[in-house]
């Protein structure tokens, strides 16, 4: 699938949900759709998503 990606798109990251290659708080938000059932450890994947997101902004 990667070889079929058009040139000029953002880099595709090769990783698993349970061990994402991003620093803590790297993103404002994270989302998954139609993928959790493929994770070997859903709880670890969700922890990883939370780790790399900043969470709610103070209002």
N, C-alpha and C. Protein backbone atom coordinates (compact mmCIF):
# COMPACT_ATOMS: atom_id res chain seq x y z
N UNK A 1 0.82 -1.19 0.00
CA UNK A 1 0.00 0.00 0.00
C UNK A 1 0.87 1.26 0.00
N UNK A 2 1.98 1.21 0.73
CA UNK A 2 2.83 2.40 0.78
C UNK A 2 3.38 2.77 -0.58
N UNK A 3 3.75 1.78 -1.37
CA UNK A 3 4.28 2.06 -2.70
C UNK A 3 3.23 2.70 -3.61
N UNK A 4 1.97 2.52 -3.30
CA UNK A 4 0.89 3.07 -4.12
C UNK A 4 0.52 4.51 -3.74
N UNK A 5 1.06 5.00 -2.62
CA UNK A 5 0.73 6.36 -2.19
C UNK A 5 1.26 7.38 -3.19
N UNK A 6 0.45 8.36 -3.53
CA UNK A 6 0.93 9.42 -4.43
C UNK A 6 2.08 10.19 -3.80
N UNK A 7 3.00 10.64 -4.61
CA UNK A 7 4.10 11.46 -4.12
C UNK A 7 3.56 12.77 -3.57
N UNK A 8 4.28 13.34 -2.62
CA UNK A 8 3.89 14.64 -2.10
C UNK A 8 3.02 14.59 -0.86
N UNK A 9 2.57 13.40 -0.48
CA UNK A 9 1.77 13.28 0.74
C UNK A 9 2.68 13.29 1.96
N UNK A 10 2.09 13.49 3.12
CA UNK A 10 2.86 13.41 4.37
C UNK A 10 3.47 12.02 4.50
N UNK A 11 4.59 11.94 5.20
CA UNK A 11 5.26 10.66 5.39
C UNK A 11 4.36 9.66 6.11
N UNK A 12 4.34 8.42 5.65
CA UNK A 12 3.60 7.35 6.32
C UNK A 12 4.48 6.81 7.44
N UNK A 13 3.89 6.61 8.62
CA UNK A 13 4.63 6.14 9.78
C UNK A 13 4.41 4.64 9.95
N UNK A 14 5.48 3.90 10.09
CA UNK A 14 5.41 2.45 10.30
C UNK A 14 5.49 2.19 11.80
N UNK A 15 4.37 1.86 12.42
CA UNK A 15 4.33 1.67 13.87
C UNK A 15 3.12 0.83 14.25
N UNK A 16 3.05 0.46 15.51
CA UNK A 16 1.87 -0.22 16.05
C UNK A 16 1.25 0.67 17.12
N UNK A 17 -0.03 0.52 17.35
CA UNK A 17 -0.76 1.39 18.27
C UNK A 17 -0.19 1.37 19.67
N UNK A 18 0.34 0.24 20.08
CA UNK A 18 0.83 0.08 21.45
C UNK A 18 2.20 0.73 21.67
N UNK A 19 2.85 1.19 20.60
CA UNK A 19 4.20 1.76 20.71
C UNK A 19 4.40 2.79 19.60
N UNK A 20 3.80 3.94 19.76
CA UNK A 20 3.85 4.97 18.73
C UNK A 20 5.13 5.81 18.84
N UNK A 21 5.73 6.17 17.70
CA UNK A 21 7.02 6.87 17.71
C UNK A 21 6.89 8.39 17.80
N UNK A 22 6.10 8.87 18.75
CA UNK A 22 5.90 10.31 18.92
C UNK A 22 6.15 10.67 20.38
N UNK A 23 6.65 11.89 20.63
CA UNK A 23 6.89 12.30 22.01
C UNK A 23 5.59 12.56 22.77
N UNK A 24 5.68 12.58 24.09
CA UNK A 24 4.52 12.90 24.94
C UNK A 24 3.96 14.26 24.53
N UNK A 25 2.64 14.35 24.45
CA UNK A 25 1.98 15.62 24.15
C UNK A 25 2.25 16.18 22.77
N UNK A 26 2.57 15.34 21.81
CA UNK A 26 2.91 15.81 20.46
C UNK A 26 1.70 16.30 19.67
N UNK A 27 0.49 15.89 20.05
CA UNK A 27 -0.70 16.22 19.28
C UNK A 27 -1.79 16.80 20.16
N UNK A 28 -2.65 17.60 19.55
CA UNK A 28 -3.80 18.15 20.27
C UNK A 28 -4.83 17.07 20.55
N UNK A 29 -4.97 16.12 19.66
CA UNK A 29 -5.99 15.07 19.79
C UNK A 29 -5.54 13.83 19.04
N UNK A 30 -6.17 12.70 19.35
CA UNK A 30 -5.93 11.45 18.65
C UNK A 30 -7.27 10.75 18.44
N UNK A 31 -7.37 9.99 17.37
CA UNK A 31 -8.63 9.32 17.06
C UNK A 31 -8.35 8.02 16.33
N UNK A 32 -9.18 7.04 16.57
CA UNK A 32 -9.11 5.80 15.81
C UNK A 32 -10.52 5.41 15.38
N UNK A 33 -10.61 4.89 14.19
CA UNK A 33 -11.88 4.35 13.70
C UNK A 33 -11.60 3.03 13.00
N UNK A 34 -12.38 2.05 13.29
CA UNK A 34 -12.28 0.74 12.63
C UNK A 34 -10.89 0.11 12.76
N UNK A 35 -10.19 0.33 13.87
CA UNK A 35 -8.87 -0.22 14.01
C UNK A 35 -8.59 -0.93 15.31
N UNK A 36 -9.31 -0.59 16.37
CA UNK A 36 -9.02 -1.13 17.69
C UNK A 36 -9.08 -2.65 17.70
N UNK A 37 -9.95 -3.24 16.93
CA UNK A 37 -10.07 -4.70 16.92
C UNK A 37 -8.82 -5.38 16.37
N UNK A 38 -7.94 -4.63 15.71
CA UNK A 38 -6.71 -5.20 15.17
C UNK A 38 -5.51 -5.04 16.11
N UNK A 39 -5.67 -4.30 17.19
CA UNK A 39 -4.58 -4.08 18.12
C UNK A 39 -4.37 -5.32 18.97
N UNK A 40 -3.12 -5.65 19.26
CA UNK A 40 -2.85 -6.82 20.11
C UNK A 40 -3.21 -6.54 21.57
N UNK A 41 -3.14 -5.27 22.00
CA UNK A 41 -3.46 -4.88 23.37
C UNK A 41 -4.21 -3.55 23.34
N UNK A 42 -5.54 -3.58 23.23
CA UNK A 42 -6.32 -2.34 23.11
C UNK A 42 -6.08 -1.35 24.25
N UNK A 43 -5.95 -1.83 25.48
CA UNK A 43 -5.73 -0.92 26.61
C UNK A 43 -4.39 -0.19 26.45
N UNK A 44 -3.36 -0.89 26.00
CA UNK A 44 -2.06 -0.26 25.79
C UNK A 44 -2.13 0.75 24.65
N UNK A 45 -2.86 0.43 23.60
CA UNK A 45 -3.02 1.36 22.49
C UNK A 45 -3.72 2.63 22.92
N UNK A 46 -4.74 2.52 23.74
CA UNK A 46 -5.45 3.70 24.23
C UNK A 46 -4.57 4.52 25.17
N UNK A 47 -3.78 3.86 26.00
CA UNK A 47 -2.82 4.59 26.86
C UNK A 47 -1.82 5.36 26.02
N UNK A 48 -1.37 4.75 24.96
CA UNK A 48 -0.41 5.38 24.07
C UNK A 48 -1.03 6.60 23.38
N UNK A 49 -2.28 6.49 22.96
CA UNK A 49 -2.97 7.63 22.36
C UNK A 49 -3.07 8.77 23.35
N UNK A 50 -3.38 8.44 24.59
CA UNK A 50 -3.50 9.48 25.62
C UNK A 50 -2.14 10.11 25.92
N UNK A 51 -1.09 9.31 25.94
CA UNK A 51 0.26 9.80 26.22
C UNK A 51 0.70 10.86 25.20
N UNK A 52 0.40 10.61 23.95
CA UNK A 52 0.91 11.52 22.91
C UNK A 52 -0.02 12.71 22.63
N UNK A 53 -1.12 12.83 23.37
CA UNK A 53 -2.01 13.98 23.19
C UNK A 53 -1.93 14.91 24.40
N UNK A 54 -2.19 16.18 24.15
CA UNK A 54 -2.10 17.20 25.19
C UNK A 54 -3.31 17.21 26.11
N UNK A 55 -4.42 16.69 25.64
CA UNK A 55 -5.63 16.72 26.46
C UNK A 55 -6.41 18.01 26.26
N UNK A 56 -7.36 18.22 27.13
CA UNK A 56 -8.24 19.40 27.02
C UNK A 56 -7.48 20.70 27.27
N UNK A 57 -7.90 21.72 26.53
CA UNK A 57 -7.36 23.06 26.75
C UNK A 57 -8.10 23.70 27.92
N UNK A 58 -7.41 24.50 28.73
CA UNK A 58 -8.12 25.20 29.80
C UNK A 58 -9.09 26.21 29.20
N UNK A 59 -10.27 26.29 29.74
CA UNK A 59 -11.28 27.23 29.21
C UNK A 59 -11.45 28.41 30.14
